[in-house]
Amino acid sequence: MLTCEVSLFPLETLNSDEIINQAVQALKETGIKHETGNISTYLYSDSPEEIWNGLKTIYREAEKAGAEFSMVINLSNNT
């Protein structure tokens, strides 16, 4: 089982909550098992490809917003 903690930090924008919520909504639509916390979202899968696809989904959605952002990712194969 792989676990991934990802935090999205939109920079220099007043719409950071909206950007984060849109990214989380796009992730929900993929069906990837995840939990959303206060600062991070946690992805779970036996498939590395599914984790990468989830990260790409978050990245692409944040990129659509047009603001600069930072994504902090912690990936572990230890459950």
N, C-alpha and C. Protein backbone atom coordinates (compact mmCIF):
# COMPACT_ATOMS: atom_id res chain seq x y z
N MET A 1 0.85 -1.17 0.00
CA MET A 1 0.00 0.00 0.00
C MET A 1 0.89 1.24 0.00
N LEU A 2 0.60 2.16 -0.88
CA LEU A 2 1.28 3.44 -0.92
C LEU A 2 0.41 4.49 -0.26
N THR A 3 1.03 5.39 0.46
CA THR A 3 0.32 6.54 1.01
C THR A 3 1.05 7.80 0.55
N CYS A 4 0.29 8.83 0.31
CA CYS A 4 0.86 10.08 -0.15
C CYS A 4 0.15 11.23 0.56
N GLU A 5 0.93 12.08 1.17
CA GLU A 5 0.40 13.30 1.77
C GLU A 5 0.77 14.45 0.84
N VAL A 6 -0.20 15.21 0.43
CA VAL A 6 0.05 16.33 -0.48
C VAL A 6 -0.60 17.59 0.08
N SER A 7 0.15 18.67 0.05
CA SER A 7 -0.36 19.98 0.46
C SER A 7 -0.19 20.94 -0.70
N LEU A 8 -1.23 21.66 -1.00
CA LEU A 8 -1.22 22.63 -2.10
C LEU A 8 -1.25 24.02 -1.48
N PHE A 9 -0.30 24.87 -1.88
CA PHE A 9 -0.21 26.22 -1.36
C PHE A 9 -0.22 27.23 -2.51
N PRO A 10 -1.38 27.76 -2.87
CA PRO A 10 -1.43 28.82 -3.88
C PRO A 10 -0.70 30.06 -3.33
N LEU A 11 0.06 30.72 -4.20
CA LEU A 11 0.88 31.85 -3.77
C LEU A 11 0.34 33.16 -4.35
N GLU A 12 0.43 34.21 -3.57
CA GLU A 12 0.10 35.57 -4.01
C GLU A 12 -1.27 35.66 -4.68
N THR A 13 -2.27 35.09 -4.04
CA THR A 13 -3.64 35.16 -4.55
C THR A 13 -4.61 35.26 -3.39
N LEU A 14 -5.72 35.88 -3.64
CA LEU A 14 -6.78 35.96 -2.63
C LEU A 14 -7.76 34.80 -2.77
N ASN A 15 -7.58 33.97 -3.80
CA ASN A 15 -8.49 32.85 -4.08
C ASN A 15 -7.91 31.50 -3.68
N SER A 16 -7.04 31.46 -2.70
CA SER A 16 -6.38 30.20 -2.36
C SER A 16 -7.37 29.11 -1.95
N ASP A 17 -8.39 29.45 -1.16
CA ASP A 17 -9.38 28.45 -0.75
C ASP A 17 -10.10 27.87 -1.96
N GLU A 18 -10.46 28.73 -2.89
CA GLU A 18 -11.17 28.28 -4.09
C GLU A 18 -10.29 27.35 -4.93
N ILE A 19 -9.03 27.69 -5.08
CA ILE A 19 -8.11 26.87 -5.87
C ILE A 19 -7.94 25.50 -5.22
N ILE A 20 -7.76 25.48 -3.91
CA ILE A 20 -7.60 24.21 -3.19
C ILE A 20 -8.87 23.37 -3.29
N ASN A 21 -10.02 23.99 -3.07
CA ASN A 21 -11.29 23.25 -3.14
C ASN A 21 -11.54 22.68 -4.53
N GLN A 22 -11.19 23.42 -5.58
CA GLN A 22 -11.35 22.91 -6.94
C GLN A 22 -10.43 21.71 -7.19
N ALA A 23 -9.22 21.78 -6.66
CA ALA A 23 -8.28 20.67 -6.83
C ALA A 23 -8.78 19.42 -6.09
N VAL A 24 -9.29 19.61 -4.89
CA VAL A 24 -9.82 18.47 -4.12
C VAL A 24 -11.05 17.89 -4.81
N GLN A 25 -11.91 18.73 -5.36
CA GLN A 25 -13.09 18.26 -6.08
C GLN A 25 -12.68 17.44 -7.31
N ALA A 26 -11.68 17.91 -8.04
CA ALA A 26 -11.20 17.17 -9.21
C ALA A 26 -10.64 15.82 -8.78
N LEU A 27 -9.96 15.77 -7.64
CA LEU A 27 -9.43 14.51 -7.12
C LEU A 27 -10.58 13.57 -6.78
N LYS A 28 -11.63 14.08 -6.15
CA LYS A 28 -12.79 13.26 -5.80
C LYS A 28 -13.38 12.58 -7.04
N GLU A 29 -13.41 13.32 -8.14
CA GLU A 29 -13.99 12.81 -9.37
C GLU A 29 -13.18 11.67 -10.00
N THR A 30 -11.91 11.50 -9.58
CA THR A 30 -11.10 10.41 -10.11
C THR A 30 -11.42 9.08 -9.45
N GLY A 31 -12.02 9.12 -8.25
CA GLY A 31 -12.32 7.89 -7.53
C GLY A 31 -11.16 7.35 -6.72
N ILE A 32 -10.04 8.06 -6.71
CA ILE A 32 -8.88 7.63 -5.93
C ILE A 32 -9.22 7.76 -4.44
N LYS A 33 -8.89 6.73 -3.68
CA LYS A 33 -9.16 6.75 -2.24
C LYS A 33 -8.32 7.85 -1.59
N HIS A 34 -8.99 8.73 -0.84
CA HIS A 34 -8.29 9.83 -0.22
C HIS A 34 -9.06 10.35 0.99
N GLU A 35 -8.36 11.11 1.81
CA GLU A 35 -8.96 11.81 2.95
C GLU A 35 -8.42 13.23 2.94
N THR A 36 -9.27 14.17 3.23
CA THR A 36 -8.84 15.56 3.27
C THR A 36 -8.74 16.02 4.72
N GLY A 37 -7.57 16.52 5.07
CA GLY A 37 -7.34 17.05 6.41
C GLY A 37 -7.35 18.56 6.41
N ASN A 38 -6.91 19.15 7.50
CA ASN A 38 -6.90 20.61 7.62
C ASN A 38 -5.89 21.27 6.68
N ILE A 39 -4.74 20.65 6.51
CA ILE A 39 -3.68 21.24 5.70
C ILE A 39 -3.28 20.34 4.54
N SER A 40 -3.51 19.06 4.66
CA SER A 40 -3.06 18.10 3.65
C SER A 40 -4.19 17.20 3.20
N THR A 41 -4.00 16.61 2.04
CA THR A 41 -4.87 15.56 1.54
C THR A 41 -4.03 14.29 1.47
N TYR A 42 -4.61 13.18 1.88
CA TYR A 42 -3.90 11.90 1.93
C TYR A 42 -4.50 10.97 0.87
N LEU A 43 -3.63 10.45 0.00
CA LEU A 43 -4.05 9.52 -1.05
C LEU A 43 -3.56 8.13 -0.67
N TYR A 44 -4.36 7.10 -0.98
CA TYR A 44 -4.02 5.72 -0.65
C TYR A 44 -4.26 4.84 -1.88
N SER A 45 -3.31 3.97 -2.17
CA SER A 45 -3.51 3.04 -3.29
C SER A 45 -2.44 1.96 -3.27
N ASP A 46 -2.77 0.83 -3.87
CA ASP A 46 -1.77 -0.21 -4.11
C ASP A 46 -1.04 0.05 -5.43
N SER A 47 -1.55 0.97 -6.21
CA SER A 47 -1.00 1.26 -7.53
C SER A 47 -0.24 2.59 -7.53
N PRO A 48 1.07 2.56 -7.82
CA PRO A 48 1.81 3.81 -7.93
C PRO A 48 1.22 4.73 -9.01
N GLU A 49 0.74 4.15 -10.10
CA GLU A 49 0.17 4.95 -11.18
C GLU A 49 -1.06 5.74 -10.70
N GLU A 50 -1.84 5.12 -9.85
CA GLU A 50 -3.02 5.80 -9.34
C GLU A 50 -2.62 7.00 -8.47
N ILE A 51 -1.59 6.84 -7.66
CA ILE A 51 -1.08 7.95 -6.85
C ILE A 51 -0.59 9.07 -7.75
N TRP A 52 0.23 8.72 -8.75
CA TRP A 52 0.76 9.74 -9.68
C TRP A 52 -0.38 10.45 -10.40
N ASN A 53 -1.39 9.70 -10.81
CA ASN A 53 -2.53 10.31 -11.49
C ASN A 53 -3.28 11.28 -10.57
N GLY A 54 -3.38 10.92 -9.29
CA GLY A 54 -4.01 11.82 -8.33
C GLY A 54 -3.21 13.11 -8.16
N LEU A 55 -1.89 12.97 -8.09
CA LEU A 55 -1.04 14.15 -7.97
C LEU A 55 -1.12 15.02 -9.22
N LYS A 56 -1.15 14.38 -10.38
CA LYS A 56 -1.28 15.13 -11.64
C LYS A 56 -2.61 15.87 -11.69
N THR A 57 -3.65 15.24 -11.20
CA THR A 57 -4.97 15.87 -11.18
C THR A 57 -4.95 17.13 -10.33
N ILE A 58 -4.36 17.05 -9.15
CA ILE A 58 -4.27 18.21 -8.27
C ILE A 58 -3.44 19.30 -8.94
N TYR A 59 -2.30 18.92 -9.50
CA TYR A 59 -1.42 19.87 -10.17
C TYR A 59 -2.13 20.58 -11.31
N ARG A 60 -2.76 19.82 -12.18
CA ARG A 60 -3.42 20.41 -13.36
C ARG A 60 -4.55 21.34 -12.97
N GLU A 61 -5.29 20.98 -11.94
CA GLU A 61 -6.40 21.83 -11.51
C GLU A 61 -5.86 23.14 -10.93
N ALA A 62 -4.80 23.06 -10.16
CA ALA A 62 -4.19 24.28 -9.60
C ALA A 62 -3.60 25.13 -10.72
N GLU A 63 -3.01 24.49 -11.70
CA GLU A 63 -2.41 25.20 -12.83
C GLU A 63 -3.47 25.98 -13.63
N LYS A 64 -4.67 25.40 -13.74
CA LYS A 64 -5.76 26.07 -14.46
C LYS A 64 -6.11 27.42 -13.85
N ALA A 65 -5.91 27.56 -12.55
CA ALA A 65 -6.28 28.79 -11.86
C ALA A 65 -5.38 29.96 -12.27
N GLY A 66 -4.21 29.66 -12.82
CA GLY A 66 -3.33 30.70 -13.30
C GLY A 66 -2.44 31.35 -12.25
N ALA A 67 -2.58 30.96 -11.00
CA ALA A 67 -1.74 31.51 -9.94
C ALA A 67 -0.52 30.62 -9.72
N GLU A 68 0.53 31.20 -9.21
CA GLU A 68 1.68 30.38 -8.82
C GLU A 68 1.29 29.58 -7.58
N PHE A 69 1.89 28.40 -7.45
CA PHE A 69 1.60 27.57 -6.28
C PHE A 69 2.77 26.67 -5.97
N SER A 70 2.72 26.12 -4.78
CA SER A 70 3.70 25.15 -4.33
C SER A 70 2.94 23.90 -3.91
N MET A 71 3.46 22.74 -4.28
CA MET A 71 2.90 21.46 -3.82
C MET A 71 3.97 20.74 -3.02
N VAL A 72 3.64 20.37 -1.81
CA VAL A 72 4.56 19.62 -0.96
C VAL A 72 4.02 18.20 -0.89
N ILE A 73 4.88 17.22 -1.26
CA ILE A 73 4.45 15.84 -1.38
C ILE A 73 5.33 14.94 -0.53
N ASN A 74 4.70 14.08 0.24
CA ASN A 74 5.39 13.08 1.03
C ASN A 74 4.82 11.72 0.63
N LEU A 75 5.64 10.89 0.00
CA LEU A 75 5.19 9.60 -0.51
C LEU A 75 5.85 8.49 0.28
N SER A 76 5.06 7.49 0.68
CA SER A 76 5.60 6.41 1.48
C SER A 76 5.02 5.07 1.03
N ASN A 77 5.85 4.04 1.04
CA ASN A 77 5.35 2.69 0.77
C ASN A 77 5.20 1.92 2.07
N ASN A 78 5.24 2.62 3.17
CA ASN A 78 5.10 2.03 4.50
C ASN A 78 3.76 2.45 5.07
N THR A 79 2.88 1.50 5.31
CA THR A 79 1.58 1.84 5.86
C THR A 79 1.69 1.77 7.36
